[in-house]
Protein backbone atom coordinates (compact mmCIF):
# COMPACT_ATOMS: atom_id res chain seq x y z
CA MET A 1 66.36 21.03 21.22
CA GLY A 2 63.38 20.25 18.81
CA GLY A 3 63.04 23.63 17.45
CA VAL A 4 66.67 24.37 16.83
CA LEU A 5 66.79 21.08 14.93
CA ASP A 6 63.73 21.79 12.90
CA GLU A 7 64.98 25.15 11.99
CA TYR A 8 68.33 23.63 10.68
CA LEU A 9 66.42 21.08 8.61
CA VAL A 10 64.34 23.93 7.14
CA VAL A 11 67.50 25.91 6.34
CA ASP A 12 69.27 23.14 5.16
CA HIS A 13 66.43 21.98 2.96
CA LEU A 14 66.25 25.51 1.42
CA SER A 15 69.95 25.32 0.75
CA ILE A 16 69.66 22.02 -1.09
CA LYS A 17 66.66 23.36 -2.79
CA ASN A 18 68.58 26.28 -4.13
CA ILE A 19 71.58 24.43 -5.21
CA ILE A 20 69.37 21.86 -7.28
CA SER A 21 67.77 25.20 -8.78
CA GLU A 22 71.18 26.53 -9.82
CA ILE A 23 72.20 23.23 -11.28
CA LYS A 24 68.87 22.80 -13.31
CA GLN A 25 69.47 26.63 -14.53
CA ASN A 26 73.09 25.75 -15.60
CA ILE A 27 72.10 22.68 -17.50
CA THR A 28 69.21 24.70 -19.28
CA THR A 29 71.65 27.43 -20.26
CA ALA A 30 74.19 24.87 -21.68
CA ARG A 31 71.57 23.17 -23.68
CA LYS A 32 70.23 26.51 -25.08
CA ALA A 33 73.65 27.37 -26.01
CA LEU A 34 74.53 23.93 -27.68
CA LYS A 35 71.31 24.28 -29.64
CA GLU A 36 72.30 27.82 -30.85
CA GLY A 37 75.71 26.47 -32.25
CA ILE A 38 77.90 27.79 -29.58
CA GLU A 39 80.94 25.63 -29.51
CA LEU A 40 82.65 24.53 -26.29
CA LYS A 41 85.86 26.23 -27.35
CA SER A 42 84.66 29.50 -28.61
CA ILE A 43 82.79 31.00 -25.64
CA SER A 44 83.42 28.08 -23.17
CA ILE A 45 80.15 26.95 -21.87
CA SER A 46 81.72 25.45 -18.95
CA ASN A 47 83.07 28.71 -17.78
CA ILE A 48 79.61 30.43 -17.93
CA THR A 49 77.48 27.71 -16.32
CA GLY A 50 80.19 25.72 -14.08
CA ILE A 51 79.41 22.48 -15.73
CA ASP A 52 82.68 20.37 -16.61
CA GLU A 53 83.33 19.78 -20.24
CA THR A 54 82.78 16.11 -20.08
CA SER A 55 79.10 16.69 -18.69
CA ILE A 56 78.50 19.17 -21.52
CA GLU A 57 79.41 16.62 -24.10
CA ILE A 58 76.90 14.32 -22.65
CA ILE A 59 74.21 16.97 -22.78
CA LYS A 60 75.13 17.74 -26.26
CA LYS A 61 74.92 14.13 -27.45
CA LYS A 62 71.69 13.77 -25.56
CA TYR A 63 69.88 16.86 -26.71
CA CYS A 64 71.35 18.21 -29.82
């Protein structure tokens, strides 16, 4: 039982790590797009990154 549980935890840890990595990449992409002047309505950063527009507004206020 312990080996199966250990394997599950390793797989689960890798899944979480991949999810966090994807979120960080999306935030970086949104920040770069905002810095380059891409507006929310023109290309829709939220469609590209999957980040909701409210969160993009927060990123815009904080980093731009």
